[in-house]
Amino acid sequence: MSGTLDTDFVRGQFPAFAEASLQGQAFFENAGGSFACAPVIDRLTRFYRQRKVQPYAPYEASTLGGAEMDEARQRLAAIMGIDTDELSFGPSTTQNTYVLARAFSQWMRPGDAIIVTNQDHEANTGPWRRLAEDGYDVREWCIDPDTGHLDPADLEDLLDERVRLVCFPHCSNVVGEVNPVTEITALAHAAGAFVCVDGVSYAPHGIPDVGAMGADIYLFSAYKTYGPHQGIMAIRRALGMLLPNQGHYFNEDSLYKRFTPAGPDHAQVAACAGMADYIDALADHHGLSGNPAARGQGVHDLMRAHEEALLQPLLDYAAARNSVRLLGPGRAAGRAPTVALRTDRPGEEVARDLAHHGIMAGGGDFYAVRALRAMGVDPAHGVLRLSFVHYTTAAEVDQLMTALDEVL
């Protein structure tokens, strides 16, 4: 087994890096959406060419289309350490969360409580906060205004027998700190509450073993994990069969259909099997063995080690400049390579200037309005966000820092 990620092999799996229109440009807005890997593109193209019919009928094109959709669910669930029917797809993570919030609103009783954070992207806090309109008690687990840190000790103060659900991010899309999911889940479970984890900003850095973490719900977006524009939702059976069915009444006994009220995008679901192809290709190339969850964890560890090595120089660079404020931890270990900087000029202006230096980055509030306000950053001014993943190279980080010297 190789302990170092082979970035040449990795980049060979992404057609974007061979695209003439993108040469010389370094992509640092991966938190908004990653490049798609070749197996996903190939499967999506094949589906539209050969299998774009109603799936699960007894003729070949339909049978193959349905089988590929099933394959996507089976293989991704295995990598996540959950049963096949505990994984479902939806049009987006935001939409999946709204469906879940409706289910909880029908299941909870007057006086019940739910805990949310102000560290979240709005998708995993807004739908839950709206339950206050139905008379439920919505409690806020607040971040430290200086560091953006979520302290589990503060959560303990909010937990009691009335809490039914704790919603929090695996990591924030502006703070970047990786939250201890297993520890938080254990605290919530001990108090009799379920947990919903927003993994959108974490999963691009390695799809986690949800079964091992113990989370009841884990949500992430395929278009940020090298796939098509789909929301992926893991919901464990004990909770999924407890909540009211949100799908067609005749599908209420099918766990993966209970929280998919609309018909899925057949082609994009099928193409998600390409994400599993890619993870398997990385595992094979680096000599990783074991069951799918173990291989997935091995790929995760390779990705994270590579990212941490590239991240620390960027964090050190930001810390050395008096003109910027780094949000979140200054150490690469324990944070994702999603670096939000409060600069003297509005974040969007700085991102625009970086584009002239071949840097693709973003500026704004990134739907993390509550987190920015809590940390004293005006969302209208926003931040410059520099986000990368495992296919980023040290040379690209150097290119970024050289460009920052020019624009800051």
Protein backbone atom coordinates (compact mmCIF):
# COMPACT_ATOMS: atom_id res chain seq x y z
CA MET A 1 0.00 0.00 0.00
CA SER A 2 1.23 3.49 -0.90
CA GLY A 3 0.89 5.99 1.93
CA THR A 4 1.08 8.98 -0.41
CA LEU A 5 -1.66 10.07 -2.77
CA ASP A 6 -0.62 9.80 -6.42
CA THR A 7 -1.88 13.15 -7.69
CA ASP A 8 -0.86 12.40 -11.28
CA PHE A 9 -3.12 9.34 -11.21
CA VAL A 10 -5.88 11.33 -9.49
CA ARG A 11 -5.82 14.18 -11.99
CA GLY A 12 -5.89 11.66 -14.82
CA GLN A 13 -9.38 10.66 -13.65
CA PHE A 14 -10.75 14.18 -14.23
CA PRO A 15 -11.30 15.39 -17.81
CA ALA A 16 -11.29 19.01 -16.61
CA PHE A 17 -7.53 18.91 -16.16
CA ALA A 18 -7.06 18.08 -19.86
CA GLU A 19 -9.53 20.72 -20.98
CA ALA A 20 -7.83 23.43 -23.06
CA SER A 21 -10.10 26.18 -21.75
CA LEU A 22 -8.99 25.52 -18.16
CA GLN A 23 -5.23 25.33 -18.69
CA GLY A 24 -3.22 27.62 -16.45
CA GLN A 25 -6.11 28.13 -14.04
CA ALA A 26 -6.17 26.79 -10.48
CA PHE A 27 -9.54 25.84 -9.04
CA PHE A 28 -10.13 27.06 -5.49
CA GLU A 29 -13.93 27.08 -5.25
CA ASN A 30 -14.38 23.35 -4.76
CA ALA A 31 -16.62 23.89 -1.73
CA GLY A 32 -19.17 25.28 -4.18
CA GLY A 33 -18.94 22.25 -6.44
CA SER A 34 -16.14 19.94 -7.55
CA PHE A 35 -15.05 18.81 -10.98
CA ALA A 36 -16.78 15.58 -12.06
CA CYS A 37 -14.69 12.44 -12.41
CA ALA A 38 -14.57 10.56 -15.71
CA PRO A 39 -16.61 7.52 -14.57
CA VAL A 40 -19.51 9.79 -13.61
CA ILE A 41 -19.38 11.64 -16.93
CA ASP A 42 -19.15 8.36 -18.84
CA ARG A 43 -22.08 6.80 -17.01
CA LEU A 44 -24.23 9.91 -17.40
CA THR A 45 -23.49 10.05 -21.12
CA ARG A 46 -24.17 6.33 -21.56
CA PHE A 47 -27.46 6.58 -19.69
CA TYR A 48 -28.72 9.41 -21.92
CA ARG A 49 -27.56 7.59 -25.05
CA GLN A 50 -28.67 4.05 -24.26
CA ARG A 51 -30.97 3.89 -21.23
CA LYS A 52 -33.07 7.07 -21.14
CA VAL A 53 -36.31 5.20 -20.63
CA GLN A 54 -38.54 4.49 -17.66
CA PRO A 55 -36.45 2.09 -15.52
CA TYR A 56 -37.38 -1.32 -14.11
CA ALA A 57 -39.46 -2.51 -17.07
CA PRO A 58 -38.75 -5.97 -18.57
CA TYR A 59 -36.96 -4.77 -21.74
CA GLU A 60 -33.19 -4.47 -21.84
CA ALA A 61 -32.66 -0.70 -21.91
CA SER A 62 -35.03 -0.30 -18.98
CA THR A 63 -33.62 -3.24 -17.03
CA LEU A 64 -30.08 -1.94 -17.44
CA GLY A 65 -31.11 1.56 -16.38
CA GLY A 66 -32.80 0.35 -13.22
CA ALA A 67 -29.90 -1.96 -12.38
CA GLU A 68 -27.47 0.93 -12.67
CA MET A 69 -29.59 3.05 -10.32
CA ASP A 70 -29.63 0.17 -7.84
CA GLU A 71 -25.88 -0.24 -8.25
CA ALA A 72 -25.29 3.38 -7.26
CA ARG A 73 -27.25 2.98 -4.06
CA GLN A 74 -25.73 -0.40 -3.19
CA ARG A 75 -22.12 0.61 -3.69
CA LEU A 76 -22.28 4.04 -2.07
CA ALA A 77 -24.15 2.61 0.93
CA ALA A 78 -21.47 -0.06 1.35
CA ILE A 79 -18.73 2.58 1.32
CA MET A 80 -20.68 4.52 3.98
CA GLY A 81 -21.08 1.44 6.16
CA ILE A 82 -24.88 1.36 6.01
CA ASP A 83 -27.52 -0.92 4.52
CA THR A 84 -28.50 -0.34 0.89
CA ASP A 85 -32.03 0.83 1.67
CA GLU A 86 -30.74 3.33 4.24
CA LEU A 87 -29.43 5.49 1.40
CA SER A 88 -31.66 7.60 -0.81
CA PHE A 89 -31.30 10.34 -3.40
CA GLY A 90 -33.04 13.67 -3.82
CA PRO A 91 -32.72 16.77 -6.00
CA SER A 92 -30.49 18.54 -3.46
CA THR A 93 -29.42 18.40 0.16
CA THR A 94 -31.56 21.46 0.87
CA GLN A 95 -34.63 19.71 -0.53
CA ASN A 96 -33.83 16.52 1.39
CA THR A 97 -33.60 18.54 4.60
CA TYR A 98 -36.97 20.21 3.99
CA VAL A 99 -38.58 16.80 3.50
CA LEU A 100 -37.01 15.55 6.74
CA ALA A 101 -38.14 18.66 8.63
CA ARG A 102 -41.71 18.08 7.48
CA ALA A 103 -41.52 14.48 8.69
CA PHE A 104 -40.26 15.57 12.11
CA SER A 105 -42.94 18.26 12.37
CA GLN A 106 -45.59 15.55 11.91
CA TRP A 107 -43.93 13.17 14.37
CA MET A 108 -43.00 15.46 17.28
CA ARG A 109 -45.40 16.50 20.01
CA PRO A 110 -46.13 19.91 21.54
CA GLY A 111 -43.33 20.94 23.86
CA ASP A 112 -40.70 18.90 22.03
CA ALA A 113 -37.41 20.61 21.23
CA ILE A 114 -34.82 20.59 18.49
CA ILE A 115 -31.26 21.93 18.60
CA VAL A 116 -29.61 23.76 15.70
CA THR A 117 -26.33 25.67 15.38
CA ASN A 118 -25.32 29.02 13.96
CA GLN A 119 -22.26 27.42 12.37
CA ASP A 120 -24.30 25.84 9.59
CA HIS A 121 -24.90 26.58 5.98
CA GLU A 122 -28.53 27.71 5.88
CA ALA A 123 -29.65 24.42 4.30
CA ASN A 124 -29.21 22.49 7.55
CA THR A 125 -30.55 25.13 9.88
CA GLY A 126 -33.30 27.08 8.10
CA PRO A 127 -35.71 24.15 7.54
CA TRP A 128 -35.32 23.05 11.17
CA ARG A 129 -35.72 26.58 12.55
CA ARG A 130 -39.05 26.87 10.75
CA LEU A 131 -40.42 24.22 13.09
CA ALA A 132 -40.74 27.04 15.64
CA GLU A 133 -43.70 28.20 13.52
CA ASP A 134 -45.37 24.89 14.41
CA GLY A 135 -44.90 25.54 18.10
CA TYR A 136 -41.78 23.49 18.72
CA ASP A 137 -38.91 24.70 20.88
CA VAL A 138 -35.90 25.51 18.67
CA ARG A 139 -32.70 25.94 20.66
CA GLU A 140 -29.47 27.37 19.26
CA TRP A 141 -26.07 25.88 19.97
CA CYS A 142 -23.82 28.89 19.44
CA ILE A 143 -20.27 29.13 18.17
CA ASP A 144 -17.46 30.99 19.88
CA PRO A 145 -17.52 34.46 18.24
CA ASP A 146 -13.72 34.61 18.01
CA THR A 147 -12.88 31.13 16.79
CA GLY A 148 -16.13 29.79 15.33
CA HIS A 149 -15.70 26.66 17.49
CA LEU A 150 -18.71 24.58 18.56
CA ASP A 151 -18.06 23.41 22.13
CA PRO A 152 -19.73 20.08 23.00
CA ALA A 153 -19.92 21.28 26.62
CA ASP A 154 -22.32 24.00 25.48
CA LEU A 155 -24.47 21.35 23.81
CA GLU A 156 -24.75 19.45 27.08
CA ASP A 157 -26.31 22.54 28.65
CA LEU A 158 -29.03 22.53 25.98
CA LEU A 159 -29.89 18.83 26.14
CA ASP A 160 -32.78 17.51 28.21
CA GLU A 161 -35.55 14.96 27.87
CA ARG A 162 -37.56 17.24 25.56
CA VAL A 163 -34.94 17.33 22.79
CA ARG A 164 -35.81 15.06 19.87
CA LEU A 165 -33.13 16.04 17.35
CA VAL A 166 -29.69 17.70 17.27
CA CYS A 167 -28.67 19.19 13.91
CA PHE A 168 -25.08 20.22 13.26
CA PRO A 169 -22.47 20.24 10.47
CA HIS A 170 -19.61 17.77 10.14
CA CYS A 171 -17.70 20.92 9.29
CA SER A 172 -18.76 24.44 8.43
CA ASN A 173 -18.37 25.82 4.92
CA VAL A 174 -16.69 28.96 6.28
CA VAL A 175 -15.18 27.96 9.65
CA GLY A 176 -13.69 24.73 8.32
CA GLU A 177 -13.17 23.05 11.71
CA VAL A 178 -14.09 19.37 11.71
CA ASN A 179 -16.62 18.70 14.45
CA PRO A 180 -16.35 15.46 16.50
CA VAL A 181 -19.40 13.70 15.08
CA THR A 182 -19.02 10.52 17.12
CA GLU A 183 -18.67 12.42 20.41
CA ILE A 184 -21.59 14.76 19.67
CA THR A 185 -23.76 11.86 18.54
CA ALA A 186 -23.02 9.98 21.75
CA LEU A 187 -24.04 13.01 23.83
CA ALA A 188 -27.28 13.39 21.92
CA HIS A 189 -28.13 9.70 22.06
CA ALA A 190 -27.48 9.61 25.81
CA ALA A 191 -30.10 12.34 26.16
CA GLY A 192 -32.57 10.40 24.01
CA ALA A 193 -32.19 12.57 20.90
CA PHE A 194 -31.46 11.69 17.29
CA VAL A 195 -28.79 13.51 15.26
CA CYS A 196 -28.80 14.99 11.76
CA VAL A 197 -25.33 15.73 10.37
CA ASP A 198 -24.79 18.05 7.42
CA GLY A 199 -21.81 16.46 5.68
CA VAL A 200 -21.86 18.66 2.57
CA SER A 201 -18.61 20.44 3.44
CA TYR A 202 -16.86 17.33 4.75
CA ALA A 203 -17.71 14.51 2.32
CA PRO A 204 -15.62 15.99 -0.56
CA HIS A 205 -12.57 15.25 1.59
CA GLY A 206 -13.45 11.59 1.97
CA ILE A 207 -16.86 9.95 2.23
CA PRO A 208 -17.14 8.91 5.88
CA ASP A 209 -18.15 5.61 7.45
CA VAL A 210 -21.54 6.77 8.68
CA GLY A 211 -22.24 3.41 10.29
CA ALA A 212 -19.16 3.71 12.48
CA MET A 213 -19.93 7.31 13.48
CA GLY A 214 -23.41 6.42 14.68
CA ALA A 215 -25.25 9.36 13.07
CA ASP A 216 -28.97 8.81 12.46
CA ILE A 217 -29.03 11.09 9.40
CA TYR A 218 -26.06 12.09 7.24
CA LEU A 219 -26.53 14.40 4.27
CA PHE A 220 -24.18 15.45 1.48
CA SER A 221 -24.19 16.58 -2.15
CA ALA A 222 -22.93 14.47 -5.04
CA TYR A 223 -22.00 17.51 -7.11
CA LYS A 224 -19.42 18.41 -4.46
CA THR A 225 -18.10 14.86 -4.29
CA TYR A 226 -17.11 14.48 -7.97
CA GLY A 227 -20.57 13.45 -9.13
CA PRO A 228 -23.80 14.85 -10.65
CA HIS A 229 -26.19 17.33 -9.05
CA GLN A 230 -27.95 15.11 -6.53
CA GLY A 231 -28.49 15.19 -2.78
CA ILE A 232 -27.50 11.97 -1.00
CA MET A 233 -29.15 11.09 2.30
CA ALA A 234 -28.35 8.32 4.73
CA ILE A 235 -31.08 7.69 7.25
CA ARG A 236 -30.78 4.74 9.58
CA ARG A 237 -33.66 2.31 9.66
CA ALA A 238 -34.72 2.81 13.29
CA LEU A 239 -35.42 6.47 12.66
CA GLY A 240 -36.52 6.19 9.05
CA MET A 241 -39.32 3.75 9.81
CA LEU A 242 -40.35 5.76 12.88
CA LEU A 243 -40.96 9.03 11.03
CA PRO A 244 -44.11 9.50 8.94
CA ASN A 245 -43.84 8.47 5.31
CA GLN A 246 -43.32 11.42 2.95
CA GLY A 247 -43.53 9.44 -0.28
CA HIS A 248 -46.43 7.78 -2.06
CA TYR A 249 -48.57 5.82 0.38
CA PHE A 250 -47.95 2.54 -1.42
CA ASN A 251 -44.18 2.98 -0.94
CA GLU A 252 -44.32 3.43 2.83
CA ASP A 253 -42.69 0.03 3.46
CA SER A 254 -39.67 0.94 1.32
CA LEU A 255 -37.18 2.90 3.44
CA TYR A 256 -35.30 4.49 0.55
CA LYS A 257 -38.57 5.76 -0.98
CA ARG A 258 -40.13 7.13 2.21
CA PHE A 259 -38.33 10.49 2.01
CA THR A 260 -38.34 10.90 -1.77
CA PRO A 261 -41.77 12.43 -2.51
CA ALA A 262 -40.88 13.18 -6.13
CA GLY A 263 -39.54 10.79 -8.74
CA PRO A 264 -35.72 10.70 -8.76
CA ASP A 265 -33.57 11.90 -11.64
CA HIS A 266 -32.87 8.47 -13.09
CA ALA A 267 -29.80 9.44 -15.10
CA GLN A 268 -28.11 11.32 -12.28
CA VAL A 269 -28.81 8.58 -9.74
CA ALA A 270 -27.30 6.02 -12.12
CA ALA A 271 -24.28 8.27 -12.71
CA CYS A 272 -23.61 8.34 -8.97
CA ALA A 273 -22.28 4.78 -9.37
CA GLY A 274 -19.34 6.52 -11.05
CA MET A 275 -18.43 8.00 -7.68
CA ALA A 276 -18.00 4.46 -6.37
CA ASP A 277 -15.99 3.59 -9.51
CA TYR A 278 -13.64 6.45 -8.72
CA ILE A 279 -13.20 5.50 -5.06
CA ASP A 280 -12.53 1.91 -6.10
CA ALA A 281 -9.98 3.06 -8.70
CA LEU A 282 -8.12 5.06 -6.04
CA ALA A 283 -8.25 2.12 -3.63
CA ASP A 284 -6.91 -0.31 -6.24
CA HIS A 285 -4.17 2.04 -7.42
CA HIS A 286 -2.92 2.62 -3.87
CA GLY A 287 -3.14 -1.02 -2.81
CA LEU A 288 -6.01 -0.66 -0.36
CA SER A 289 -7.90 -3.80 0.61
CA GLY A 290 -10.81 -4.87 2.79
CA ASN A 291 -14.55 -4.40 2.57
CA PRO A 292 -16.00 -1.31 0.81
CA ALA A 293 -16.16 0.73 4.03
CA ALA A 294 -12.53 -0.08 4.87
CA ARG A 295 -11.38 0.77 1.36
CA GLY A 296 -13.41 3.98 1.48
CA GLN A 297 -11.78 4.87 4.81
CA GLY A 298 -8.37 4.23 3.31
CA VAL A 299 -9.12 6.55 0.40
CA HIS A 300 -10.44 9.12 2.90
CA ASP A 301 -7.17 8.96 4.85
CA LEU A 302 -5.06 9.40 1.71
CA MET A 303 -7.12 12.41 0.67
CA ARG A 304 -6.95 14.04 4.10
CA ALA A 305 -3.18 13.54 4.47
CA HIS A 306 -2.58 15.15 1.09
CA GLU A 307 -4.91 18.05 1.86
CA GLU A 308 -3.37 18.73 5.26
CA ALA A 309 0.13 18.91 3.79
CA LEU A 310 -1.04 21.51 1.25
CA LEU A 311 -3.25 23.39 3.70
CA GLN A 312 -0.76 24.32 6.41
CA PRO A 313 1.36 26.64 4.21
CA LEU A 314 -1.81 28.50 3.16
CA LEU A 315 -2.96 28.86 6.77
CA ASP A 316 0.51 30.11 7.77
CA TYR A 317 0.41 32.61 4.91
CA ALA A 318 -2.97 33.95 6.06
CA ALA A 319 -1.87 34.18 9.68
CA ALA A 320 1.17 36.26 8.69
CA ARG A 321 -0.87 38.94 6.94
CA ASN A 322 -2.30 41.70 9.12
CA SER A 323 -4.77 42.69 6.41
CA VAL A 324 -6.78 39.46 6.62
CA ARG A 325 -8.63 37.56 9.31
CA LEU A 326 -8.64 33.79 9.03
CA LEU A 327 -11.89 32.22 10.19
CA GLY A 328 -11.48 28.96 12.08
CA PRO A 329 -8.41 27.05 13.26
CA GLY A 330 -4.91 27.91 12.12
CA ARG A 331 -3.75 24.29 12.12
CA ALA A 332 -4.43 22.00 9.18
CA ALA A 333 -5.03 18.95 11.37
CA GLY A 334 -8.67 18.99 12.37
CA ARG A 335 -9.93 21.30 9.68
CA ALA A 336 -11.00 20.98 6.08
CA PRO A 337 -9.16 22.86 3.31
CA THR A 338 -11.94 25.43 3.16
CA VAL A 339 -10.30 28.74 4.07
CA ALA A 340 -12.47 31.81 4.58
CA LEU A 341 -10.64 35.12 4.86
CA ARG A 342 -12.14 38.42 5.95
CA THR A 343 -10.25 40.91 3.79
CA ASP A 344 -10.19 44.73 3.76
CA ARG A 345 -12.21 44.78 0.55
CA PRO A 346 -15.41 42.78 -0.03
CA GLY A 347 -14.70 39.14 -0.72
CA GLU A 348 -16.30 39.22 -4.17
CA GLU A 349 -13.97 42.03 -5.26
CA VAL A 350 -10.88 40.11 -4.22
CA ALA A 351 -12.15 36.96 -5.97
CA ARG A 352 -12.71 38.99 -9.13
CA ASP A 353 -9.13 40.26 -9.00
CA LEU A 354 -7.80 36.75 -8.41
CA ALA A 355 -9.48 35.58 -11.61
CA HIS A 356 -7.05 37.79 -13.56
CA HIS A 357 -4.23 35.71 -12.08
CA GLY A 358 -5.69 32.35 -13.07
CA ILE A 359 -7.30 31.65 -9.69
CA MET A 360 -10.89 30.42 -9.65
CA ALA A 361 -12.23 31.38 -6.21
CA GLY A 362 -15.38 32.82 -4.69
CA GLY A 363 -16.45 35.66 -2.45
CA GLY A 364 -19.63 36.38 -0.52
CA ASP A 365 -21.56 34.94 2.42
CA PHE A 366 -21.87 31.37 1.03
CA TYR A 367 -25.25 30.95 2.76
CA ALA A 368 -23.44 30.99 6.10
CA VAL A 369 -24.99 34.31 7.10
CA ARG A 370 -25.60 33.30 10.71
CA ALA A 371 -22.03 32.09 11.22
CA LEU A 372 -20.52 35.23 9.69
CA ARG A 373 -22.69 37.53 11.80
CA ALA A 374 -21.85 35.55 14.94
CA MET A 375 -18.16 36.09 14.20
CA GLY A 376 -18.57 39.82 13.57
CA VAL A 377 -18.32 39.67 9.78
CA ASP A 378 -20.86 41.69 7.80
CA PRO A 379 -22.41 39.22 5.31
CA ALA A 380 -22.74 42.03 2.78
CA HIS A 381 -18.95 42.47 2.92
CA GLY A 382 -18.50 38.72 2.99
CA VAL A 383 -15.33 36.69 2.88
CA LEU A 384 -12.93 35.39 0.28
CA ARG A 385 -13.22 31.61 0.29
CA LEU A 386 -10.36 29.45 -0.93
CA SER A 387 -11.35 25.79 -1.00
CA PHE A 388 -9.52 22.85 -2.45
CA VAL A 389 -9.62 19.05 -2.46
CA HIS A 390 -7.30 16.11 -3.01
CA TYR A 391 -6.74 16.76 -6.72
CA THR A 392 -5.16 20.14 -5.93
CA THR A 393 -1.36 20.31 -6.19
CA ALA A 394 1.32 22.11 -4.21
CA ALA A 395 2.12 24.12 -7.35
CA GLU A 396 -1.46 25.39 -7.46
CA VAL A 397 -1.30 26.46 -3.82
CA ASP A 398 1.92 28.33 -4.63
CA GLN A 399 0.17 29.96 -7.59
CA LEU A 400 -2.63 31.00 -5.25
CA MET A 401 -0.33 32.57 -2.67
CA THR A 402 1.59 34.44 -5.39
CA ALA A 403 -1.71 35.81 -6.70
CA LEU A 404 -2.80 36.80 -3.20
CA ASP A 405 0.39 38.83 -2.87
CA GLU A 406 -0.77 40.80 -5.90
CA VAL A 407 -4.36 41.46 -4.91
CA LEU A 408 -4.42 41.83 -1.12
